[in-house]
């Protein structure tokens, strides 16, 4: 029943910022994943229905995940972007009100958006 759609991607120079949005988010465990060419899809940031967040070590301190329940929208604020942040970014939902305590992988999520491209280069 969950329909997700990302937006806000684009091209930016190193050190720049982007804000991604995902409409259709609900009171579930929500997450952002990214996938670069030739690499596996990796978890970036997660948030549950209570607002508890979790970040990959590579983005901690630079990215912020948040959600607006009234607008059913999930956000990812990305600051101090680096070339290695380049990739296709996806939002995903797991139908549970709290994220599980173990490491979250793509197989844990049953609903996905179409993706939005982020490119960081000079």
PDB file of N, CA and C in Angstrom:
ATOM      1  N   UNK A   1       0.816  -1.208   0.000  1.00  0.00           N
ATOM      2  CA  UNK A   1       0.000   0.000   0.000  1.00  0.00           C
ATOM      3  C   UNK A   1       0.856   1.267   0.000  1.00  0.00           C
ATOM      4  N   UNK A   2       2.146   1.141   0.355  1.00  0.00           N
ATOM      5  CA  UNK A   2       3.033   2.288   0.448  1.00  0.00           C
ATOM      6  C   UNK A   2       3.575   2.648  -0.931  1.00  0.00           C
ATOM      7  N   UNK A   3       3.421   3.908  -1.316  1.00  0.00           N
ATOM      8  CA  UNK A   3       3.949   4.435  -2.569  1.00  0.00           C
ATOM      9  C   UNK A   3       4.938   5.553  -2.238  1.00  0.00           C
ATOM     10  N   UNK A   4       6.182   5.408  -2.684  1.00  0.00           N
ATOM     11  CA  UNK A   4       7.238   6.358  -2.375  1.00  0.00           C
ATOM     12  C   UNK A   4       7.775   7.005  -3.640  1.00  0.00           C
ATOM     13  N   UNK A   5       8.126   8.291  -3.557  1.00  0.00           N
ATOM     14  CA  UNK A   5       8.669   9.013  -4.696  1.00  0.00           C
ATOM     15  C   UNK A   5       9.690  10.035  -4.218  1.00  0.00           C
ATOM     16  N   UNK A   6      10.942   9.898  -4.679  1.00  0.00           N
ATOM     17  CA  UNK A   6      12.019  10.801  -4.276  1.00  0.00           C
ATOM     18  C   UNK A   6      12.142  11.978  -5.234  1.00  0.00           C
ATOM     19  N   UNK A   7      12.732  13.068  -4.724  1.00  0.00           N
ATOM     20  CA  UNK A   7      13.051  14.225  -5.542  1.00  0.00           C
ATOM     21  C   UNK A   7      14.154  15.016  -4.847  1.00  0.00           C
ATOM     22  N   UNK A   8      14.746  15.970  -5.549  1.00  0.00           N
ATOM     23  CA  UNK A   8      15.736  16.853  -4.960  1.00  0.00           C
ATOM     24  C   UNK A   8      17.174  16.567  -5.344  1.00  0.00           C
ATOM     25  N   UNK A   9      17.419  15.514  -6.111  1.00  0.00           N
ATOM     26  CA  UNK A   9      18.774  15.215  -6.539  1.00  0.00           C
ATOM     27  C   UNK A   9      19.262  16.210  -7.572  1.00  0.00           C
ATOM     28  N   UNK A  10      20.557  16.144  -7.877  1.00  0.00           N
ATOM     29  CA  UNK A  10      21.140  17.044  -8.849  1.00  0.00           C
ATOM     30  C   UNK A  10      22.643  16.959  -8.830  1.00  0.00           C
ATOM     31  N   UNK A  11      23.280  17.918  -9.483  1.00  0.00           N
ATOM     32  CA  UNK A  11      24.736  17.988  -9.558  1.00  0.00           C
ATOM     33  C   UNK A  11      25.240  19.149  -8.710  1.00  0.00           C
ATOM     34  N   UNK A  12      26.267  18.890  -7.905  1.00  0.00           N
ATOM     35  CA  UNK A  12      26.801  19.904  -7.007  1.00  0.00           C
ATOM     36  C   UNK A  12      28.313  19.728  -6.868  1.00  0.00           C
ATOM     37  N   UNK A  13      29.022  20.816  -6.572  1.00  0.00           N
ATOM     38  CA  UNK A  13      30.465  20.752  -6.352  1.00  0.00           C
ATOM     39  C   UNK A  13      30.777  20.242  -4.950  1.00  0.00           C
ATOM     40  N   UNK A  14      31.967  19.676  -4.748  1.00  0.00           N
ATOM     41  CA  UNK A  14      32.352  19.234  -3.409  1.00  0.00           C
ATOM     42  C   UNK A  14      32.194  20.361  -2.389  1.00  0.00           C
ATOM     43  N   UNK A  15      31.667  20.025  -1.212  1.00  0.00           N
ATOM     44  CA  UNK A  15      31.416  21.014  -0.186  1.00  0.00           C
ATOM     45  C   UNK A  15      30.024  21.605  -0.238  1.00  0.00           C
ATOM     46  N   UNK A  16      29.287  21.328  -1.292  1.00  0.00           N
ATOM     47  CA  UNK A  16      27.948  21.849  -1.455  1.00  0.00           C
ATOM     48  C   UNK A  16      26.913  21.061  -0.685  1.00  0.00           C
ATOM     49  N   UNK A  17      25.651  21.461  -0.848  1.00  0.00           N
ATOM     50  CA  UNK A  17      24.544  20.840  -0.123  1.00  0.00           C
ATOM     51  C   UNK A  17      23.385  20.511  -1.044  1.00  0.00           C
ATOM     52  N   UNK A  18      22.631  19.487  -0.673  1.00  0.00           N
ATOM     53  CA  UNK A  18      21.397  19.114  -1.341  1.00  0.00           C
ATOM     54  C   UNK A  18      20.411  18.625  -0.297  1.00  0.00           C
ATOM     55  N   UNK A  19      19.130  18.776  -0.582  1.00  0.00           N
ATOM     56  CA  UNK A  19      18.080  18.272   0.294  1.00  0.00           C
ATOM     57  C   UNK A  19      17.159  17.369  -0.513  1.00  0.00           C
ATOM     58  N   UNK A  20      17.099  16.103  -0.139  1.00  0.00           N
ATOM     59  CA  UNK A  20      16.250  15.136  -0.809  1.00  0.00           C
ATOM     60  C   UNK A  20      14.922  15.004  -0.076  1.00  0.00           C
ATOM     61  N   UNK A  21      13.857  14.767  -0.830  1.00  0.00           N
ATOM     62  CA  UNK A  21      12.533  14.563  -0.262  1.00  0.00           C
ATOM     63  C   UNK A  21      11.959  13.246  -0.752  1.00  0.00           C
ATOM     64  N   UNK A  22      11.113  12.636   0.051  1.00  0.00           N
ATOM     65  CA  UNK A  22      10.446  11.398  -0.310  1.00  0.00           C
ATOM     66  C   UNK A  22       9.005  11.482   0.155  1.00  0.00           C
ATOM     67  N   UNK A  23       8.092  11.658  -0.779  1.00  0.00           N
ATOM     68  CA  UNK A  23       6.678  11.731  -0.431  1.00  0.00           C
ATOM     69  C   UNK A  23       6.103  10.338  -0.331  1.00  0.00           C
ATOM     70  N   UNK A  24       5.110  10.178   0.540  1.00  0.00           N
ATOM     71  CA  UNK A  24       4.490   8.890   0.757  1.00  0.00           C
ATOM     72  C   UNK A  24       4.969   8.191   2.015  1.00  0.00           C
ATOM     73  N   UNK A  25       5.880   8.818   2.749  1.00  0.00           N
ATOM     74  CA  UNK A  25       6.395   8.226   3.977  1.00  0.00           C
ATOM     75  C   UNK A  25       5.295   8.115   5.027  1.00  0.00           C
ATOM     76  N   UNK A  26       5.361   7.058   5.812  1.00  0.00           N
ATOM     77  CA  UNK A  26       4.381   6.830   6.866  1.00  0.00           C
ATOM     78  C   UNK A  26       5.050   6.601   8.207  1.00  0.00           C
ATOM     79  N   UNK A  27       4.257   6.175   9.167  1.00  0.00           N
ATOM     80  CA  UNK A  27       4.771   5.926  10.517  1.00  0.00           C
ATOM     81  C   UNK A  27       5.381   4.531  10.583  1.00  0.00           C
ATOM     82  N   UNK A  28       6.480   4.365   9.850  1.00  0.00           N
ATOM     83  CA  UNK A  28       7.204   3.114   9.773  1.00  0.00           C
ATOM     84  C   UNK A  28       8.682   3.359  10.017  1.00  0.00           C
ATOM     85  N   UNK A  29       9.465   2.285   9.964  1.00  0.00           N
ATOM     86  CA  UNK A  29      10.906   2.433   9.860  1.00  0.00           C
ATOM     87  C   UNK A  29      11.205   2.900   8.437  1.00  0.00           C
ATOM     88  N   UNK A  30      11.770   4.091   8.297  1.00  0.00           N
ATOM     89  CA  UNK A  30      12.082   4.663   6.994  1.00  0.00           C
ATOM     90  C   UNK A  30      13.588   4.774   6.828  1.00  0.00           C
ATOM     91  N   UNK A  31      14.057   4.669   5.586  1.00  0.00           N
ATOM     92  CA  UNK A  31      15.483   4.750   5.362  1.00  0.00           C
ATOM     93  C   UNK A  31      15.851   5.343   4.020  1.00  0.00           C
ATOM     94  N   UNK A  32      17.090   5.813   3.937  1.00  0.00           N
ATOM     95  CA  UNK A  32      17.695   6.255   2.693  1.00  0.00           C
ATOM     96  C   UNK A  32      18.861   5.323   2.377  1.00  0.00           C
ATOM     97  N   UNK A  33      18.897   4.837   1.145  1.00  0.00           N
ATOM     98  CA  UNK A  33      19.996   4.027   0.639  1.00  0.00           C
ATOM     99  C   UNK A  33      20.599   4.729  -0.569  1.00  0.00           C
ATOM    100  N   UNK A  34      21.820   4.361  -0.925  1.00  0.00           N
ATOM    101  CA  UNK A  34      22.437   4.880  -2.142  1.00  0.00           C
ATOM    102  C   UNK A  34      23.218   3.771  -2.827  1.00  0.00           C
ATOM    103  N   UNK A  35      23.370   3.913  -4.136  1.00  0.00           N
ATOM    104  CA  UNK A  35      24.097   2.919  -4.907  1.00  0.00           C
ATOM    105  C   UNK A  35      24.903   3.611  -6.000  1.00  0.00           C
ATOM    106  N   UNK A  36      26.219   3.444  -5.950  1.00  0.00           N
ATOM    107  CA  UNK A  36      27.106   3.974  -6.978  1.00  0.00           C
ATOM    108  C   UNK A  36      27.292   2.930  -8.078  1.00  0.00           C
ATOM    109  N   UNK A  37      27.725   3.375  -9.255  1.00  0.00           N
ATOM    110  CA  UNK A  37      27.957   2.458 -10.366  1.00  0.00           C
ATOM    111  C   UNK A  37      28.974   1.391  -9.973  1.00  0.00           C
ATOM    112  N   UNK A  38      28.607   0.129 -10.158  1.00  0.00           N
ATOM    113  CA  UNK A  38      29.508  -0.968  -9.861  1.00  0.00           C
ATOM    114  C   UNK A  38      29.627  -1.331  -8.393  1.00  0.00           C
ATOM    115  N   UNK A  39      28.821  -0.725  -7.532  1.00  0.00           N
ATOM    116  CA  UNK A  39      28.886  -1.006  -6.106  1.00  0.00           C
ATOM    117  C   UNK A  39      27.540  -1.493  -5.578  1.00  0.00           C
ATOM    118  N   UNK A  40      27.570  -2.115  -4.405  1.00  0.00           N
ATOM    119  CA  UNK A  40      26.358  -2.598  -3.764  1.00  0.00           C
ATOM    120  C   UNK A  40      25.577  -1.439  -3.164  1.00  0.00           C
ATOM    121  N   UNK A  41      24.280  -1.624  -3.049  1.00  0.00           N
ATOM    122  CA  UNK A  41      23.433  -0.632  -2.407  1.00  0.00           C
ATOM    123  C   UNK A  41      23.743  -0.617  -0.911  1.00  0.00           C
ATOM    124  N   UNK A  42      23.934   0.582  -0.352  1.00  0.00           N
ATOM    125  CA  UNK A  42      24.294   0.702   1.050  1.00  0.00           C
ATOM    126  C   UNK A  42      23.344   1.631   1.799  1.00  0.00           C
ATOM    127  N   UNK A  43      23.126   1.322   3.073  1.00  0.00           N
ATOM    128  CA  UNK A  43      22.292   2.157   3.914  1.00  0.00           C
ATOM    129  C   UNK A  43      22.996   3.454   4.266  1.00  0.00           C
ATOM    130  N   UNK A  44      22.257   4.549   4.260  1.00  0.00           N
ATOM    131  CA  UNK A  44      22.800   5.871   4.549  1.00  0.00           C
ATOM    132  C   UNK A  44      22.285   6.405   5.882  1.00  0.00           C
ATOM    133  N   UNK A  45      20.965   6.412   6.058  1.00  0.00           N
ATOM    134  CA  UNK A  45      20.360   6.950   7.270  1.00  0.00           C
ATOM    135  C   UNK A  45      18.986   6.340   7.474  1.00  0.00           C
ATOM    136  N   UNK A  46      18.574   6.233   8.732  1.00  0.00           N
ATOM    137  CA  UNK A  46      17.294   5.611   9.059  1.00  0.00           C
ATOM    138  C   UNK A  46      16.602   6.382  10.173  1.00  0.00           C
ATOM    139  N   UNK A  47      15.272   6.310  10.180  1.00  0.00           N
ATOM    140  CA  UNK A  47      14.479   6.950  11.218  1.00  0.00           C
ATOM    141  C   UNK A  47      13.201   6.147  11.418  1.00  0.00           C
ATOM    142  N   UNK A  48      12.765   6.002  12.684  1.00  0.00           N
ATOM    143  CA  UNK A  48      11.538   5.269  12.949  1.00  0.00           C
ATOM    144  C   UNK A  48      10.403   6.224  13.277  1.00  0.00           C
ATOM    145  N   UNK A  49       9.247   5.654  13.593  1.00  0.00           N
ATOM    146  CA  UNK A  49       8.059   6.469  13.820  1.00  0.00           C
ATOM    147  C   UNK A  49       8.174   7.373  15.038  1.00  0.00           C
ATOM    148  N   UNK A  50       9.107   7.072  15.934  1.00  0.00           N
ATOM    149  CA  UNK A  50       9.305   7.863  17.141  1.00  0.00           C
ATOM    150  C   UNK A  50      10.374   8.939  16.971  1.00  0.00           C
ATOM    151  N   UNK A  51      11.048   8.960  15.820  1.00  0.00           N
ATOM    152  CA  UNK A  51      12.068   9.955  15.572  1.00  0.00           C
ATOM    153  C   UNK A  51      13.483   9.504  15.879  1.00  0.00           C
ATOM    154  N   UNK A  52      13.668   8.250  16.267  1.00  0.00           N
ATOM    155  CA  UNK A  52      15.003   7.727  16.537  1.00  0.00           C
ATOM    156  C   UNK A  52      15.763   7.557  15.228  1.00  0.00           C
ATOM    157  N   UNK A  53      16.990   8.073  15.167  1.00  0.00           N
ATOM    158  CA  UNK A  53      17.769   8.067  13.929  1.00  0.00           C
ATOM    159  C   UNK A  53      19.025   7.222  14.043  1.00  0.00           C
ATOM    160  N   UNK A  54      19.555   6.823  12.883  1.00  0.00           N
ATOM    161  CA  UNK A  54      20.781   6.049  12.787  1.00  0.00           C
ATOM    162  C   UNK A  54      21.455   6.407  11.474  1.00  0.00           C
ATOM    163  N   UNK A  55      22.790   6.534  11.475  1.00  0.00           N
ATOM    164  CA  UNK A  55      23.525   6.951  10.297  1.00  0.00           C
ATOM    165  C   UNK A  55      24.699   6.038  10.013  1.00  0.00           C
ATOM    166  N   UNK A  56      25.025   5.920   8.730  1.00  0.00           N
ATOM    167  CA  UNK A  56      26.262   5.260   8.348  1.00  0.00           C
ATOM    168  C   UNK A  56      27.430   6.121   8.810  1.00  0.00           C
ATOM    169  N   UNK A  57      28.531   5.484   9.196  1.00  0.00           N
ATOM    170  CA  UNK A  57      29.692   6.226   9.683  1.00  0.00           C
ATOM    171  C   UNK A  57      30.205   7.227   8.646  1.00  0.00           C
ATOM    172  N   UNK A  58      30.078   6.894   7.379  1.00  0.00           N
ATOM    173  CA  UNK A  58      30.609   7.733   6.318  1.00  0.00           C
ATOM    174  C   UNK A  58      29.875   9.064   6.153  1.00  0.00           C
ATOM    175  N   UNK A  59      28.658   9.171   6.683  1.00  0.00           N
ATOM    176  CA  UNK A  59      27.877  10.400   6.521  1.00  0.00           C
ATOM    177  C   UNK A  59      27.548  11.072   7.846  1.00  0.00           C
ATOM    178  N   UNK A  60      27.859  10.439   8.954  1.00  0.00           N
ATOM    179  CA  UNK A  60      27.528  10.986  10.269  1.00  0.00           C
ATOM    180  C   UNK A  60      28.181  12.354  10.460  1.00  0.00           C
ATOM    181  N   UNK A  61      27.383  13.315  10.897  1.00  0.00           N
ATOM    182  CA  UNK A  61      27.871  14.673  11.083  1.00  0.00           C
ATOM    183  C   UNK A  61      27.688  15.552   9.871  1.00  0.00           C
ATOM    184  N   UNK A  62      27.406  14.949   8.710  1.00  0.00           N
ATOM    185  CA  UNK A  62      27.209  15.704   7.477  1.00  0.00           C
ATOM    186  C   UNK A  62      25.771  15.624   6.970  1.00  0.00           C
ATOM    187  N   UNK A  63      25.111  14.485   7.177  1.00  0.00           N
ATOM    188  CA  UNK A  63      23.745  14.269   6.712  1.00  0.00           C
ATOM    189  C   UNK A  63      22.785  14.273   7.897  1.00  0.00           C
ATOM    190  N   UNK A  64      21.546  14.702   7.653  1.00  0.00           N
ATOM    191  CA  UNK A  64      20.503  14.690   8.669  1.00  0.00           C
ATOM    192  C   UNK A  64      19.213  14.147   8.075  1.00  0.00           C
ATOM    193  N   UNK A  65      18.669  13.089   8.681  1.00  0.00           N
ATOM    194  CA  UNK A  65      17.402  12.529   8.239  1.00  0.00           C
ATOM    195  C   UNK A  65      16.292  13.054   9.147  1.00  0.00           C
ATOM    196  N   UNK A  66      15.143  13.364   8.568  1.00  0.00           N
ATOM    197  CA  UNK A  66      14.009  13.855   9.333  1.00  0.00           C
ATOM    198  C   UNK A  66      12.726  13.520   8.596  1.00  0.00           C
ATOM    199  N   UNK A  67      11.591  13.701   9.255  1.00  0.00           N
ATOM    200  CA  UNK A  67      10.317  13.434   8.614  1.00  0.00           C
ATOM    201  C   UNK A  67       9.242  14.357   9.147  1.00  0.00           C
ATOM    202  N   UNK A  68       8.270  14.635   8.292  1.00  0.00           N
ATOM    203  CA  UNK A  68       7.111  15.445   8.636  1.00  0.00           C
ATOM    204  C   UNK A  68       5.901  14.534   8.486  1.00  0.00           C
ATOM    205  N   UNK A  69       5.359  14.064   9.599  1.00  0.00           N
ATOM    206  CA  UNK A  69       4.247  13.119   9.550  1.00  0.00           C
ATOM    207  C   UNK A  69       2.976  13.729   8.957  1.00  0.00           C
ATOM    208  N   UNK A  70       2.755  15.019   9.180  1.00  0.00           N
ATOM    209  CA  UNK A  70       1.568  15.665   8.636  1.00  0.00           C
ATOM    210  C   UNK A  70       1.618  15.729   7.117  1.00  0.00           C
ATOM    211  N   UNK A  71       2.820  15.889   6.558  1.00  0.00           N
ATOM    212  CA  UNK A  71       2.995  15.951   5.112  1.00  0.00           C
ATOM    213  C   UNK A  71       3.362  14.597   4.511  1.00  0.00           C
ATOM    214  N   UNK A  72       3.525  13.586   5.364  1.00  0.00           N
ATOM    215  CA  UNK A  72       3.928  12.251   4.912  1.00  0.00           C
ATOM    216  C   UNK A  72       5.194  12.314   4.055  1.00  0.00           C
ATOM    217  N   UNK A  73       6.154  13.103   4.500  1.00  0.00           N
ATOM    218  CA  UNK A  73       7.367  13.330   3.726  1.00  0.00           C
ATOM    219  C   UNK A  73       8.614  13.047   4.553  1.00  0.00           C
ATOM    220  N   UNK A  74       9.549  12.334   3.958  1.00  0.00           N
ATOM    221  CA  UNK A  74      10.846  12.027   4.538  1.00  0.00           C
ATOM    222  C   UNK A  74      11.889  12.913   3.871  1.00  0.00           C
ATOM    223  N   UNK A  75      12.872  13.391   4.635  1.00  0.00           N
ATOM    224  CA  UNK A  75      13.902  14.277   4.106  1.00  0.00           C
ATOM    225  C   UNK A  75      15.299  13.749   4.408  1.00  0.00           C
ATOM    226  N   UNK A  76      16.245  14.130   3.562  1.00  0.00           N
ATOM    227  CA  UNK A  76      17.648  13.889   3.828  1.00  0.00           C
ATOM    228  C   UNK A  76      18.412  15.164   3.468  1.00  0.00           C
ATOM    229  N   UNK A  77      18.860  15.892   4.483  1.00  0.00           N
ATOM    230  CA  UNK A  77      19.675  17.075   4.284  1.00  0.00           C
ATOM    231  C   UNK A  77      21.124  16.641   4.199  1.00  0.00           C
ATOM    232  N   UNK A  78      21.790  16.954   3.084  1.00  0.00           N
ATOM    233  CA  UNK A  78      23.157  16.541   2.846  1.00  0.00           C
ATOM    234  C   UNK A  78      24.041  17.776   2.741  1.00  0.00           C
ATOM    235  N   UNK A  79      24.983  17.909   3.661  1.00  0.00           N
ATOM    236  CA  UNK A  79      25.917  19.030   3.688  1.00  0.00           C
ATOM    237  C   UNK A  79      27.343  18.516   3.527  1.00  0.00           C
ATOM    238  N   UNK A  80      28.251  19.418   3.182  1.00  0.00           N
ATOM    239  CA  UNK A  80      29.666  19.076   3.004  1.00  0.00           C
ATOM    240  C   UNK A  80      29.830  17.852   2.108  1.00  0.00           C
ATOM    241  N   UNK A  81      29.163  17.868   0.984  1.00  0.00           N
ATOM    242  CA  UNK A  81      29.161  16.716   0.084  1.00  0.00           C
ATOM    243  C   UNK A  81      30.543  16.438  -0.492  1.00  0.00           C
ATOM    244  N   UNK A  82      30.830  15.153  -0.667  1.00  0.00           N
ATOM    245  CA  UNK A  82      32.100  14.676  -1.207  1.00  0.00           C
ATOM    246  C   UNK A  82      31.848  13.882  -2.484  1.00  0.00           C
ATOM    247  N   UNK A  83      32.854  13.762  -3.355  1.00  0.00           N
ATOM    248  CA  UNK A  83      32.668  12.973  -4.580  1.00  0.00           C
ATOM    249  C   UNK A  83      32.196  11.545  -4.302  1.00  0.00           C
ATOM    250  N   UNK A  84      32.638  10.947  -3.208  1.00  0.00           N
ATOM    251  CA  UNK A  84      32.236   9.585  -2.888  1.00  0.00           C
ATOM    252  C   UNK A  84      30.774   9.469  -2.471  1.00  0.00           C
ATOM    253  N   UNK A  85      30.077  10.599  -2.301  1.00  0.00           N
ATOM    254  CA  UNK A  85      28.645  10.583  -2.027  1.00  0.00           C
ATOM    255  C   UNK A  85      27.826  10.403  -3.298  1.00  0.00           C
ATOM    256  N   UNK A  86      28.470  10.445  -4.449  1.00  0.00           N
ATOM    257  CA  UNK A  86      27.783  10.303  -5.729  1.00  0.00           C
ATOM    258  C   UNK A  86      27.081   8.954  -5.837  1.00  0.00           C
ATOM    259  N   UNK A  87      25.843   8.962  -6.324  1.00  0.00           N
ATOM    260  CA  UNK A  87      25.111   7.726  -6.520  1.00  0.00           C
ATOM    261  C   UNK A  87      23.628   7.974  -6.682  1.00  0.00           C
ATOM    262  N   UNK A  88      22.901   6.898  -6.907  1.00  0.00           N
ATOM    263  CA  UNK A  88      21.452   6.958  -6.953  1.00  0.00           C
ATOM    264  C   UNK A  88      20.931   6.768  -5.532  1.00  0.00           C
ATOM    265  N   UNK A  89      20.122   7.702  -5.069  1.00  0.00           N
ATOM    266  CA  UNK A  89      19.589   7.652  -3.713  1.00  0.00           C
ATOM    267  C   UNK A  89      18.135   7.195  -3.726  1.00  0.00           C
ATOM    268  N   UNK A  90      17.820   6.244  -2.863  1.00  0.00           N
ATOM    269  CA  UNK A  90      16.485   5.671  -2.768  1.00  0.00           C
ATOM    270  C   UNK A  90      15.933   5.825  -1.354  1.00  0.00           C
ATOM    271  N   UNK A  91      14.645   6.113  -1.236  1.00  0.00           N
ATOM    272  CA  UNK A  91      13.997   6.014   0.061  1.00  0.00           C
ATOM    273  C   UNK A  91      13.278   4.679   0.129  1.00  0.00           C
ATOM    274  N   UNK A  92      13.151   4.146   1.331  1.00  0.00           N
ATOM    275  CA  UNK A  92      12.562   2.836   1.517  1.00  0.00           C
ATOM    276  C   UNK A  92      11.786   2.780   2.829  1.00  0.00           C
ATOM    277  N   UNK A  93      10.810   1.881   2.884  1.00  0.00           N
ATOM    278  CA  UNK A  93       9.984   1.719   4.070  1.00  0.00           C
ATOM    279  C   UNK A  93       9.920   0.263   4.499  1.00  0.00           C
ATOM    280  N   UNK A  94      10.017   0.036   5.786  1.00  0.00           N
ATOM    281  CA  UNK A  94       9.798  -1.260   6.401  1.00  0.00           C
ATOM    282  C   UNK A  94       8.560  -1.130   7.267  1.00  0.00           C
ATOM    283  N   UNK A  95       7.579  -1.988   7.056  1.00  0.00           N
ATOM    284  CA  UNK A  95       6.305  -1.867   7.752  1.00  0.00           C
ATOM    285  C   UNK A  95       6.401  -2.320   9.213  1.00  0.00           C
ATOM    286  N   UNK A  96       7.051  -1.486   9.998  1.00  0.00           N
ATOM    287  CA  UNK A  96       7.109  -1.653  11.430  1.00  0.00           C
ATOM    288  C   UNK A  96       7.352  -0.275  12.037  1.00  0.00           C
ATOM    289  N   UNK A  97       6.844  -0.031  13.222  1.00  0.00           N
ATOM    290  CA  UNK A  97       6.924   1.299  13.810  1.00  0.00           C
ATOM    291  C   UNK A  97       8.303   1.640  14.352  1.00  0.00           C
ATOM    292  N   UNK A  98       9.121   0.633  14.605  1.00  0.00           N
ATOM    293  CA  UNK A  98      10.488   0.837  15.061  1.00  0.00           C
ATOM    294  C   UNK A  98      11.434   0.026  14.204  1.00  0.00           C
ATOM    295  N   UNK A  99      12.594   0.581  13.874  1.00  0.00           N
ATOM    296  CA  UNK A  99      13.597  -0.147  13.121  1.00  0.00           C
ATOM    297  C   UNK A  99      14.218  -1.211  14.016  1.00  0.00           C
ATOM    298  N   UNK A 100      14.581  -2.349  13.419  1.00  0.00           N
ATOM    299  CA  UNK A 100      15.182  -3.411  14.212  1.00  0.00           C
ATOM    300  C   UNK A 100      16.560  -2.981  14.697  1.00  0.00           C
ATOM    301  N   UNK A 101      17.028  -3.614  15.756  1.00  0.00           N
ATOM    302  CA  UNK A 101      18.274  -3.206  16.389  1.00  0.00           C
ATOM    303  C   UNK A 101      19.540  -3.583  15.647  1.00  0.00           C
ATOM    304  N   UNK A 102      19.469  -4.536  14.724  1.00  0.00           N
ATOM    305  CA  UNK A 102      20.634  -4.972  13.971  1.00  0.00           C
ATOM    306  C   UNK A 102      20.880  -4.073  12.766  1.00  0.00           C
ATOM    307  N   UNK A 103      21.978  -4.332  12.056  1.00  0.00           N
ATOM    308  CA  UNK A 103      22.312  -3.564  10.859  1.00  0.00           C
ATOM    309  C   UNK A 103      21.210  -3.717   9.811  1.00  0.00           C
ATOM    310  N   UNK A 104      20.781  -2.593   9.251  1.00  0.00           N
ATOM    311  CA  UNK A 104      19.702  -2.595   8.271  1.00  0.00           C
ATOM    312  C   UNK A 104      20.265  -2.717   6.858  1.00  0.00           C
ATOM    313  N   UNK A 105      19.709  -3.660   6.104  1.00  0.00           N
ATOM    314  CA  UNK A 105      20.146  -3.918   4.735  1.00  0.00           C
ATOM    315  C   UNK A 105      18.953  -3.781   3.801  1.00  0.00           C
ATOM    316  N   UNK A 106      19.167  -3.666   2.483  1.00  0.00           N
ATOM    317  CA  UNK A 106      18.044  -3.484   1.550  1.00  0.00           C
ATOM    318  C   UNK A 106      16.957  -4.540   1.677  1.00  0.00           C
ATOM    319  N   UNK A 107      17.340  -5.784   1.982  1.00  0.00           N
ATOM    320  CA  UNK A 107      16.367  -6.876   2.072  1.00  0.00           C
ATOM    321  C   UNK A 107      15.376  -6.687   3.216  1.00  0.00           C
ATOM    322  N   UNK A 108      15.674  -5.808   4.159  1.00  0.00           N
ATOM    323  CA  UNK A 108      14.773  -5.554   5.277  1.00  0.00           C
ATOM    324  C   UNK A 108      13.598  -4.674   4.887  1.00  0.00           C
ATOM    325  N   UNK A 109      13.667  -4.026   3.727  1.00  0.00           N
ATOM    326  CA  UNK A 109      12.670  -3.044   3.328  1.00  0.00           C
ATOM    327  C   UNK A 109      11.841  -3.543   2.148  1.00  0.00           C
ATOM    328  N   UNK A 110      10.516  -3.446   2.288  1.00  0.00           N
ATOM    329  CA  UNK A 110       9.627  -3.970   1.264  1.00  0.00           C
ATOM    330  C   UNK A 110       9.102  -2.955   0.277  1.00  0.00           C
ATOM    331  N   UNK A 111       9.292  -1.672   0.536  1.00  0.00           N
ATOM    332  CA  UNK A 111       8.776  -0.624  -0.329  1.00  0.00           C
ATOM    333  C   UNK A 111       9.884   0.346  -0.691  1.00  0.00           C
ATOM    334  N   UNK A 112       9.945   0.715  -1.987  1.00  0.00           N
ATOM    335  CA  UNK A 112      11.022   1.551  -2.510  1.00  0.00           C
ATOM    336  C   UNK A 112      10.510   2.609  -3.471  1.00  0.00           C
ATOM    337  N   UNK A 113      11.188   3.758  -3.482  1.00  0.00           N
ATOM    338  CA  UNK A 113      10.933   4.774  -4.477  1.00  0.00           C
ATOM    339  C   UNK A 113      11.733   4.481  -5.732  1.00  0.00           C
ATOM    340  N   UNK A 114      11.620   5.343  -6.732  1.00  0.00           N
ATOM    341  CA  UNK A 114      12.282   5.128  -8.018  1.00  0.00           C
ATOM    342  C   UNK A 114      13.732   5.600  -8.034  1.00  0.00           C
ATOM    343  N   UNK A 115      14.132   6.392  -7.059  1.00  0.00           N
ATOM    344  CA  UNK A 115      15.491   6.878  -6.966  1.00  0.00           C
ATOM    345  C   UNK A 115      15.661   8.280  -7.523  1.00  0.00           C
ATOM    346  N   UNK A 116      16.654   9.004  -6.990  1.00  0.00           N
ATOM    347  CA  UNK A 116      17.014  10.319  -7.496  1.00  0.00           C
ATOM    348  C   UNK A 116      18.537  10.420  -7.510  1.00  0.00           C
ATOM    349  N   UNK A 117      19.097  10.901  -8.614  1.00  0.00           N
ATOM    350  CA  UNK A 117      20.539  10.896  -8.814  1.00  0.00           C
ATOM    351  C   UNK A 117      21.207  12.071  -8.113  1.00  0.00           C
ATOM    352  N   UNK A 118      22.311  11.791  -7.417  1.00  0.00           N
ATOM    353  CA  UNK A 118      23.151  12.809  -6.793  1.00  0.00           C
ATOM    354  C   UNK A 118      24.553  12.682  -7.368  1.00  0.00           C
ATOM    355  N   UNK A 119      25.076  13.769  -7.919  1.00  0.00           N
ATOM    356  CA  UNK A 119      26.411  13.773  -8.493  1.00  0.00           C
ATOM    357  C   UNK A 119      27.227  14.897  -7.864  1.00  0.00           C
ATOM    358  N   UNK A 120      28.377  14.548  -7.293  1.00  0.00           N
ATOM    359  CA  UNK A 120      29.264  15.518  -6.647  1.00  0.00           C
ATOM    360  C   UNK A 120      30.594  15.510  -7.391  1.00  0.00           C
ATOM    361  N   UNK A 121      30.904  16.600  -8.077  1.00  0.00           N
ATOM    362  CA  UNK A 121      32.137  16.683  -8.852  1.00  0.00           C
ATOM    363  C   UNK A 121      32.510  18.133  -9.094  1.00  0.00           C
ATOM    364  N   UNK A 122      33.791  18.366  -9.407  1.00  0.00           N
ATOM    365  CA  UNK A 122      34.275  19.708  -9.690  1.00  0.00           C
ATOM    366  C   UNK A 122      34.018  20.089 -11.129  1.00  0.00           C
TER     367      UNK A 122
END
